[in-house]
């Protein structure tokens, strides 16, 4: 019998590749499966933008193992979707030239493949979209564009601009959407390719807009900056929001 500490170190991460017609390229993904998982089960799942960073700098697999084995969350899976840094703005930003293609790749190619090849749930309420900065932005836009597929969003320090507010405004109601939205109190002049942005103010605007459309928003402003140190520390709370036991 493994000790609890050693069990934390044991993790199942599988690799796969997907050929995308919409993006015109092949993407490699990683899939984390919960400890002692059963291939006949269908686990709730979080799809992570900047997935390699979440697995490496966010320590997603280690933190997930600990939460599950401590009984703080139900078992869940996680899919890491990497992005080429040179294409990140083009795919994640709603103003990017590859943005529409990326949304279609995600909804029409990636999710069906993962649900076919791995023991994850195909229920909309069991799918969570997650990301930090522009990863949070594209996750929210996926939920806005495909409301029948995605009802849950985890956004850490979302890099929201006017197109996001416009997209929220076009929806009659977001009563079926639940979003975990966190922002650092020091994120008032974050360097981006659009210049320095006050992401604290931007997140407050998006929070208000989501509430006006009746979305369920778990919102918090915390001590922190636009760094992986902040997001890694916040990740257990975010994961418990969607997968925690009552």
C-alpha atoms as a PDB file:
ATOM      1  CA  UNK A   1       0.000   0.000   0.000  1.00  0.00           C
ATOM      2  CA  UNK A   2       1.474   3.356  -1.047  1.00  0.00           C
ATOM      3  CA  UNK A   3       1.722   6.096   1.530  1.00  0.00           C
ATOM      4  CA  UNK A   4      -0.435   9.126   0.815  1.00  0.00           C
ATOM      5  CA  UNK A   5       2.612  11.270  -0.033  1.00  0.00           C
ATOM      6  CA  UNK A   6       3.830   8.742  -2.612  1.00  0.00           C
ATOM      7  CA  UNK A   7       0.356   8.410  -4.051  1.00  0.00           C
ATOM      8  CA  UNK A   8       0.388  12.151  -4.732  1.00  0.00           C
ATOM      9  CA  UNK A   9       3.440  11.591  -6.929  1.00  0.00           C
ATOM     10  CA  UNK A  10       1.738   8.871  -8.971  1.00  0.00           C
ATOM     11  CA  UNK A  11      -0.257  10.362 -11.792  1.00  0.00           C
ATOM     12  CA  UNK A  12      -1.686   9.224 -15.077  1.00  0.00           C
ATOM     13  CA  UNK A  13      -1.019  11.577 -17.960  1.00  0.00           C
ATOM     14  CA  UNK A  14      -1.635  10.333 -21.473  1.00  0.00           C
ATOM     15  CA  UNK A  15      -0.542  11.990 -24.673  1.00  0.00           C
ATOM     16  CA  UNK A  16      -2.477  12.194 -27.918  1.00  0.00           C
ATOM     17  CA  UNK A  17      -2.462  14.167 -31.129  1.00  0.00           C
ATOM     18  CA  UNK A  18      -5.298  15.622 -33.141  1.00  0.00           C
ATOM     19  CA  UNK A  19      -5.219  16.689 -36.770  1.00  0.00           C
ATOM     20  CA  UNK A  20      -7.248  19.848 -37.200  1.00  0.00           C
ATOM     21  CA  UNK A  21      -8.902  20.806 -40.456  1.00  0.00           C
ATOM     22  CA  UNK A  22      -9.885  24.198 -39.045  1.00  0.00           C
ATOM     23  CA  UNK A  23      -6.335  25.083 -37.969  1.00  0.00           C
ATOM     24  CA  UNK A  24      -4.551  23.207 -40.750  1.00  0.00           C
ATOM     25  CA  UNK A  25      -2.130  21.536 -38.346  1.00  0.00           C
ATOM     26  CA  UNK A  26      -1.679  18.765 -35.802  1.00  0.00           C
ATOM     27  CA  UNK A  27      -1.877  19.545 -32.086  1.00  0.00           C
ATOM     28  CA  UNK A  28      -0.433  17.410 -29.305  1.00  0.00           C
ATOM     29  CA  UNK A  29      -2.476  17.299 -26.118  1.00  0.00           C
ATOM     30  CA  UNK A  30      -2.049  15.781 -22.654  1.00  0.00           C
ATOM     31  CA  UNK A  31      -4.853  14.230 -20.617  1.00  0.00           C
ATOM     32  CA  UNK A  32      -4.667  13.869 -16.840  1.00  0.00           C
ATOM     33  CA  UNK A  33      -6.805  11.089 -15.369  1.00  0.00           C
ATOM     34  CA  UNK A  34      -7.669  10.873 -11.655  1.00  0.00           C
ATOM     35  CA  UNK A  35      -5.980   8.415  -9.268  1.00  0.00           C
ATOM     36  CA  UNK A  36      -7.226   4.843  -9.541  1.00  0.00           C
ATOM     37  CA  UNK A  37      -9.507   5.865 -12.401  1.00  0.00           C
ATOM     38  CA  UNK A  38     -11.926   3.398 -13.963  1.00  0.00           C
ATOM     39  CA  UNK A  39     -11.967   3.274 -17.768  1.00  0.00           C
ATOM     40  CA  UNK A  40     -15.676   2.486 -17.685  1.00  0.00           C
ATOM     41  CA  UNK A  41     -16.478   5.720 -15.828  1.00  0.00           C
ATOM     42  CA  UNK A  42     -17.081   9.108 -17.411  1.00  0.00           C
ATOM     43  CA  UNK A  43     -15.361  11.805 -15.364  1.00  0.00           C
ATOM     44  CA  UNK A  44     -16.074  15.536 -15.350  1.00  0.00           C
ATOM     45  CA  UNK A  45     -13.284  17.332 -17.154  1.00  0.00           C
ATOM     46  CA  UNK A  46     -11.554  20.678 -17.374  1.00  0.00           C
ATOM     47  CA  UNK A  47     -10.101  21.796 -20.717  1.00  0.00           C
ATOM     48  CA  UNK A  48      -7.157  24.127 -20.150  1.00  0.00           C
ATOM     49  CA  UNK A  49      -5.837  26.786 -22.519  1.00  0.00           C
ATOM     50  CA  UNK A  50      -2.043  27.230 -22.272  1.00  0.00           C
ATOM     51  CA  UNK A  51      -2.268  23.631 -21.117  1.00  0.00           C
ATOM     52  CA  UNK A  52       1.454  22.913 -20.882  1.00  0.00           C
ATOM     53  CA  UNK A  53       1.864  25.911 -18.568  1.00  0.00           C
ATOM     54  CA  UNK A  54      -1.001  24.716 -16.362  1.00  0.00           C
ATOM     55  CA  UNK A  55       0.572  21.274 -16.080  1.00  0.00           C
ATOM     56  CA  UNK A  56       4.095  22.626 -15.471  1.00  0.00           C
ATOM     57  CA  UNK A  57       3.879  26.005 -13.730  1.00  0.00           C
ATOM     58  CA  UNK A  58       0.360  25.516 -12.359  1.00  0.00           C
ATOM     59  CA  UNK A  59       1.213  22.012 -11.072  1.00  0.00           C
ATOM     60  CA  UNK A  60      -2.266  20.923 -12.130  1.00  0.00           C
ATOM     61  CA  UNK A  61      -1.745  17.163 -11.874  1.00  0.00           C
ATOM     62  CA  UNK A  62      -0.094  17.317  -8.444  1.00  0.00           C
ATOM     63  CA  UNK A  63      -2.727  19.658  -7.053  1.00  0.00           C
ATOM     64  CA  UNK A  64      -5.573  17.633  -8.568  1.00  0.00           C
ATOM     65  CA  UNK A  65      -4.221  14.399  -7.077  1.00  0.00           C
ATOM     66  CA  UNK A  66      -4.041  15.988  -3.656  1.00  0.00           C
ATOM     67  CA  UNK A  67      -7.557  17.411  -3.808  1.00  0.00           C
ATOM     68  CA  UNK A  68      -9.022  14.103  -4.988  1.00  0.00           C
ATOM     69  CA  UNK A  69      -7.145  11.886  -2.534  1.00  0.00           C
ATOM     70  CA  UNK A  70      -7.940  14.234   0.354  1.00  0.00           C
ATOM     71  CA  UNK A  71     -11.614  13.937  -0.524  1.00  0.00           C
ATOM     72  CA  UNK A  72     -12.000  17.655  -1.234  1.00  0.00           C
ATOM     73  CA  UNK A  73     -13.175  17.103  -4.806  1.00  0.00           C
ATOM     74  CA  UNK A  74     -14.816  14.392  -6.830  1.00  0.00           C
ATOM     75  CA  UNK A  75     -12.447  12.655  -9.271  1.00  0.00           C
ATOM     76  CA  UNK A  76     -12.035  14.676 -12.467  1.00  0.00           C
ATOM     77  CA  UNK A  77      -9.921  14.700 -15.608  1.00  0.00           C
ATOM     78  CA  UNK A  78      -8.001  17.542 -17.229  1.00  0.00           C
ATOM     79  CA  UNK A  79      -7.004  18.188 -20.833  1.00  0.00           C
ATOM     80  CA  UNK A  80      -3.984  20.360 -21.567  1.00  0.00           C
ATOM     81  CA  UNK A  81      -4.196  22.112 -24.943  1.00  0.00           C
ATOM     82  CA  UNK A  82      -0.895  23.778 -25.854  1.00  0.00           C
ATOM     83  CA  UNK A  83      -0.524  26.824 -28.039  1.00  0.00           C
ATOM     84  CA  UNK A  84       2.395  28.129 -30.036  1.00  0.00           C
ATOM     85  CA  UNK A  85       3.411  31.399 -28.432  1.00  0.00           C
ATOM     86  CA  UNK A  86       3.588  33.105 -31.829  1.00  0.00           C
ATOM     87  CA  UNK A  87      -0.064  32.151 -32.488  1.00  0.00           C
ATOM     88  CA  UNK A  88      -1.433  32.804 -29.009  1.00  0.00           C
ATOM     89  CA  UNK A  89      -2.825  36.300 -29.615  1.00  0.00           C
ATOM     90  CA  UNK A  90      -4.192  35.313 -33.027  1.00  0.00           C
ATOM     91  CA  UNK A  91      -6.091  32.337 -31.566  1.00  0.00           C
ATOM     92  CA  UNK A  92      -7.078  33.505 -28.082  1.00  0.00           C
ATOM     93  CA  UNK A  93      -7.932  37.146 -28.693  1.00  0.00           C
ATOM     94  CA  UNK A  94     -11.427  37.795 -30.117  1.00  0.00           C
ATOM     95  CA  UNK A  95      -9.724  40.230 -32.496  1.00  0.00           C
ATOM     96  CA  UNK A  96      -7.215  37.633 -33.703  1.00  0.00           C
ATOM     97  CA  UNK A  97      -7.176  36.362 -37.280  1.00  0.00           C
ATOM     98  CA  UNK A  98      -7.204  32.697 -36.158  1.00  0.00           C
ATOM     99  CA  UNK A  99      -9.766  33.155 -33.373  1.00  0.00           C
ATOM    100  CA  UNK A 100     -12.818  31.831 -35.225  1.00  0.00           C
ATOM    101  CA  UNK A 101     -10.855  28.849 -36.528  1.00  0.00           C
ATOM    102  CA  UNK A 102      -9.636  28.085 -33.016  1.00  0.00           C
ATOM    103  CA  UNK A 103     -13.178  28.158 -31.589  1.00  0.00           C
ATOM    104  CA  UNK A 104     -14.342  25.744 -34.286  1.00  0.00           C
ATOM    105  CA  UNK A 105     -11.339  23.460 -33.732  1.00  0.00           C
ATOM    106  CA  UNK A 106     -12.079  23.350 -30.024  1.00  0.00           C
ATOM    107  CA  UNK A 107     -15.825  22.697 -30.230  1.00  0.00           C
ATOM    108  CA  UNK A 108     -16.037  20.610 -33.399  1.00  0.00           C
ATOM    109  CA  UNK A 109     -12.783  18.604 -33.360  1.00  0.00           C
ATOM    110  CA  UNK A 110     -11.056  18.593 -29.973  1.00  0.00           C
ATOM    111  CA  UNK A 111     -13.939  17.931 -27.590  1.00  0.00           C
ATOM    112  CA  UNK A 112     -15.504  15.112 -29.687  1.00  0.00           C
ATOM    113  CA  UNK A 113     -12.101  13.401 -29.977  1.00  0.00           C
ATOM    114  CA  UNK A 114     -11.395  13.596 -26.244  1.00  0.00           C
ATOM    115  CA  UNK A 115     -14.855  12.279 -25.375  1.00  0.00           C
ATOM    116  CA  UNK A 116     -14.437   9.424 -27.843  1.00  0.00           C
ATOM    117  CA  UNK A 117     -10.948   8.340 -26.778  1.00  0.00           C
ATOM    118  CA  UNK A 118     -10.837   9.039 -23.030  1.00  0.00           C
ATOM    119  CA  UNK A 119     -13.089   8.274 -20.042  1.00  0.00           C
ATOM    120  CA  UNK A 120     -14.591  11.766 -19.755  1.00  0.00           C
ATOM    121  CA  UNK A 121     -18.180  12.946 -19.600  1.00  0.00           C
ATOM    122  CA  UNK A 122     -20.030  14.281 -22.620  1.00  0.00           C
ATOM    123  CA  UNK A 123     -22.503  16.293 -20.515  1.00  0.00           C
ATOM    124  CA  UNK A 124     -22.303  20.056 -20.906  1.00  0.00           C
ATOM    125  CA  UNK A 125     -22.536  20.518 -17.138  1.00  0.00           C
ATOM    126  CA  UNK A 126     -19.453  18.318 -16.663  1.00  0.00           C
ATOM    127  CA  UNK A 127     -17.253  20.316 -19.050  1.00  0.00           C
ATOM    128  CA  UNK A 128     -15.224  23.212 -17.649  1.00  0.00           C
ATOM    129  CA  UNK A 129     -13.201  25.596 -19.804  1.00  0.00           C
ATOM    130  CA  UNK A 130     -10.204  27.115 -18.051  1.00  0.00           C
ATOM    131  CA  UNK A 131      -7.441  29.593 -18.673  1.00  0.00           C
ATOM    132  CA  UNK A 132      -5.436  32.551 -17.421  1.00  0.00           C
ATOM    133  CA  UNK A 133      -5.088  35.965 -19.053  1.00  0.00           C
ATOM    134  CA  UNK A 134      -6.063  35.551 -22.743  1.00  0.00           C
ATOM    135  CA  UNK A 135      -6.725  31.893 -21.940  1.00  0.00           C
ATOM    136  CA  UNK A 136      -9.549  33.078 -19.710  1.00  0.00           C
ATOM    137  CA  UNK A 137     -10.779  35.323 -22.509  1.00  0.00           C
ATOM    138  CA  UNK A 138     -11.008  32.583 -25.132  1.00  0.00           C
ATOM    139  CA  UNK A 139     -12.612  30.213 -22.609  1.00  0.00           C
ATOM    140  CA  UNK A 140     -15.419  32.702 -21.993  1.00  0.00           C
ATOM    141  CA  UNK A 141     -15.860  33.310 -25.726  1.00  0.00           C
ATOM    142  CA  UNK A 142     -16.163  29.569 -26.332  1.00  0.00           C
ATOM    143  CA  UNK A 143     -18.978  29.425 -23.766  1.00  0.00           C
ATOM    144  CA  UNK A 144     -20.670  32.445 -25.359  1.00  0.00           C
ATOM    145  CA  UNK A 145     -20.360  31.023 -28.868  1.00  0.00           C
ATOM    146  CA  UNK A 146     -21.386  27.446 -27.972  1.00  0.00           C
ATOM    147  CA  UNK A 147     -23.820  27.753 -25.057  1.00  0.00           C
ATOM    148  CA  UNK A 148     -25.218  24.266 -25.643  1.00  0.00           C
ATOM    149  CA  UNK A 149     -21.764  22.715 -25.219  1.00  0.00           C
ATOM    150  CA  UNK A 150     -20.184  24.760 -22.441  1.00  0.00           C
ATOM    151  CA  UNK A 151     -21.796  25.958 -19.201  1.00  0.00           C
ATOM    152  CA  UNK A 152     -18.727  26.324 -16.952  1.00  0.00           C
ATOM    153  CA  UNK A 153     -15.731  28.691 -17.197  1.00  0.00           C
ATOM    154  CA  UNK A 154     -12.679  29.147 -14.983  1.00  0.00           C
ATOM    155  CA  UNK A 155     -11.024  32.501 -15.657  1.00  0.00           C
ATOM    156  CA  UNK A 156      -7.892  33.640 -13.828  1.00  0.00           C
ATOM    157  CA  UNK A 157      -6.903  37.240 -14.561  1.00  0.00           C
ATOM    158  CA  UNK A 158      -8.906  37.307 -17.787  1.00  0.00           C
ATOM    159  CA  UNK A 159      -7.507  39.736 -20.359  1.00  0.00           C
ATOM    160  CA  UNK A 160     -10.870  41.177 -21.324  1.00  0.00           C
ATOM    161  CA  UNK A 161     -11.307  43.892 -23.923  1.00  0.00           C
ATOM    162  CA  UNK A 162     -14.318  45.626 -25.459  1.00  0.00           C
ATOM    163  CA  UNK A 163     -15.200  42.704 -27.806  1.00  0.00           C
ATOM    164  CA  UNK A 164     -15.873  40.526 -24.756  1.00  0.00           C
ATOM    165  CA  UNK A 165     -18.309  43.049 -23.296  1.00  0.00           C
ATOM    166  CA  UNK A 166     -19.978  43.319 -26.710  1.00  0.00           C
ATOM    167  CA  UNK A 167     -20.301  39.519 -26.947  1.00  0.00           C
ATOM    168  CA  UNK A 168     -21.879  39.365 -23.479  1.00  0.00           C
ATOM    169  CA  UNK A 169     -24.245  42.184 -24.416  1.00  0.00           C
ATOM    170  CA  UNK A 170     -25.516  40.284 -27.457  1.00  0.00           C
ATOM    171  CA  UNK A 171     -26.810  37.438 -25.300  1.00  0.00           C
ATOM    172  CA  UNK A 172     -30.378  37.735 -23.994  1.00  0.00           C
ATOM    173  CA  UNK A 173     -29.566  35.691 -20.905  1.00  0.00           C
ATOM    174  CA  UNK A 174     -26.607  33.815 -19.429  1.00  0.00           C
ATOM    175  CA  UNK A 175     -28.592  32.165 -16.663  1.00  0.00           C
ATOM    176  CA  UNK A 176     -27.118  28.755 -17.548  1.00  0.00           C
ATOM    177  CA  UNK A 177     -23.496  29.915 -17.252  1.00  0.00           C
ATOM    178  CA  UNK A 178     -21.342  29.520 -14.143  1.00  0.00           C
ATOM    179  CA  UNK A 179     -17.993  31.297 -14.108  1.00  0.00           C
ATOM    180  CA  UNK A 180     -15.180  31.385 -11.564  1.00  0.00           C
ATOM    181  CA  UNK A 181     -13.546  34.776 -12.085  1.00  0.00           C
ATOM    182  CA  UNK A 182     -10.537  35.901 -10.108  1.00  0.00           C
ATOM    183  CA  UNK A 183      -8.244  38.906 -10.534  1.00  0.00           C
ATOM    184  CA  UNK A 184      -5.218  40.208  -8.677  1.00  0.00           C
ATOM    185  CA  UNK A 185      -5.511  43.550  -6.927  1.00  0.00           C
ATOM    186  CA  UNK A 186      -2.138  44.588  -8.365  1.00  0.00           C
ATOM    187  CA  UNK A 187      -3.163  43.936 -11.984  1.00  0.00           C
ATOM    188  CA  UNK A 188      -3.725  47.592 -12.815  1.00  0.00           C
ATOM    189  CA  UNK A 189      -1.024  48.061 -15.479  1.00  0.00           C
ATOM    190  CA  UNK A 190      -0.385  44.675 -17.099  1.00  0.00           C
ATOM    191  CA  UNK A 191       1.871  44.786 -20.211  1.00  0.00           C
ATOM    192  CA  UNK A 192       0.118  43.304 -23.265  1.00  0.00           C
ATOM    193  CA  UNK A 193       0.420  43.580 -27.050  1.00  0.00           C
ATOM    194  CA  UNK A 194      -2.326  46.234 -26.736  1.00  0.00           C
ATOM    195  CA  UNK A 195      -0.193  48.224 -24.286  1.00  0.00           C
ATOM    196  CA  UNK A 196      -0.547  48.363 -20.500  1.00  0.00           C
ATOM    197  CA  UNK A 197      -4.046  47.327 -19.403  1.00  0.00           C
ATOM    198  CA  UNK A 198      -5.902  47.795 -16.141  1.00  0.00           C
ATOM    199  CA  UNK A 199      -7.174  44.224 -15.914  1.00  0.00           C
ATOM    200  CA  UNK A 200      -8.630  44.830 -12.468  1.00  0.00           C
ATOM    201  CA  UNK A 201     -10.983  47.447 -13.920  1.00  0.00           C
ATOM    202  CA  UNK A 202     -11.695  45.272 -16.962  1.00  0.00           C
ATOM    203  CA  UNK A 203     -12.637  42.292 -14.801  1.00  0.00           C
ATOM    204  CA  UNK A 204     -14.949  44.435 -12.711  1.00  0.00           C
ATOM    205  CA  UNK A 205     -16.725  45.537 -15.905  1.00  0.00           C
ATOM    206  CA  UNK A 206     -17.086  41.956 -17.135  1.00  0.00           C
ATOM    207  CA  UNK A 207     -18.290  40.845 -13.697  1.00  0.00           C
ATOM    208  CA  UNK A 208     -21.053  43.453 -13.757  1.00  0.00           C
ATOM    209  CA  UNK A 209     -22.014  42.578 -17.329  1.00  0.00           C
ATOM    210  CA  UNK A 210     -22.234  38.868 -16.524  1.00  0.00           C
ATOM    211  CA  UNK A 211     -24.370  39.532 -13.467  1.00  0.00           C
ATOM    212  CA  UNK A 212     -26.724  41.708 -15.518  1.00  0.00           C
ATOM    213  CA  UNK A 213     -27.245  38.719 -17.833  1.00  0.00           C
ATOM    214  CA  UNK A 214     -27.967  36.497 -14.789  1.00  0.00           C
ATOM    215  CA  UNK A 215     -24.822  34.361 -14.978  1.00  0.00           C
ATOM    216  CA  UNK A 216     -23.690  32.693 -11.751  1.00  0.00           C
ATOM    217  CA  UNK A 217     -20.365  34.382 -11.006  1.00  0.00           C
ATOM    218  CA  UNK A 218     -17.960  33.296  -8.276  1.00  0.00           C
ATOM    219  CA  UNK A 219     -15.902  36.481  -8.256  1.00  0.00           C
ATOM    220  CA  UNK A 220     -12.926  37.432  -6.121  1.00  0.00           C
ATOM    221  CA  UNK A 221     -10.224  40.072  -6.015  1.00  0.00           C
ATOM    222  CA  UNK A 222      -7.127  38.726  -4.313  1.00  0.00           C
ATOM    223  CA  UNK A 223      -3.638  39.898  -3.447  1.00  0.00           C
ATOM    224  CA  UNK A 224      -1.590  39.024  -6.488  1.00  0.00           C
ATOM    225  CA  UNK A 225      -0.211  39.997  -9.851  1.00  0.00           C
ATOM    226  CA  UNK A 226      -0.291  38.676 -13.417  1.00  0.00           C
ATOM    227  CA  UNK A 227       1.978  35.696 -12.671  1.00  0.00           C
ATOM    228  CA  UNK A 228       1.883  31.921 -12.391  1.00  0.00           C
ATOM    229  CA  UNK A 229       2.708  32.223  -8.698  1.00  0.00           C
ATOM    230  CA  UNK A 230      -0.712  33.841  -8.173  1.00  0.00           C
ATOM    231  CA  UNK A 231      -2.603  31.459 -10.465  1.00  0.00           C
ATOM    232  CA  UNK A 232      -1.001  28.314  -9.030  1.00  0.00           C
ATOM    233  CA  UNK A 233      -1.921  29.366  -5.499  1.00  0.00           C
ATOM    234  CA  UNK A 234      -5.492  30.130  -6.570  1.00  0.00           C
ATOM    235  CA  UNK A 235      -5.987  26.909  -8.549  1.00  0.00           C
ATOM    236  CA  UNK A 236      -7.222  24.619  -5.713  1.00  0.00           C
ATOM    237  CA  UNK A 237      -9.986  27.071  -4.813  1.00  0.00           C
ATOM    238  CA  UNK A 238     -10.968  27.325  -8.462  1.00  0.00           C
ATOM    239  CA  UNK A 239     -11.054  23.547  -8.930  1.00  0.00           C
ATOM    240  CA  UNK A 240     -13.131  23.050  -5.782  1.00  0.00           C
ATOM    241  CA  UNK A 241     -15.676  25.528  -7.164  1.00  0.00           C
ATOM    242  CA  UNK A 242     -16.517  23.107  -9.983  1.00  0.00           C
ATOM    243  CA  UNK A 243     -15.538  19.682  -8.672  1.00  0.00           C
ATOM    244  CA  UNK A 244     -15.779  20.086  -4.892  1.00  0.00           C
ATOM    245  CA  UNK A 245     -17.885  17.877  -2.671  1.00  0.00           C
ATOM    246  CA  UNK A 246     -20.885  19.511  -1.008  1.00  0.00           C
END
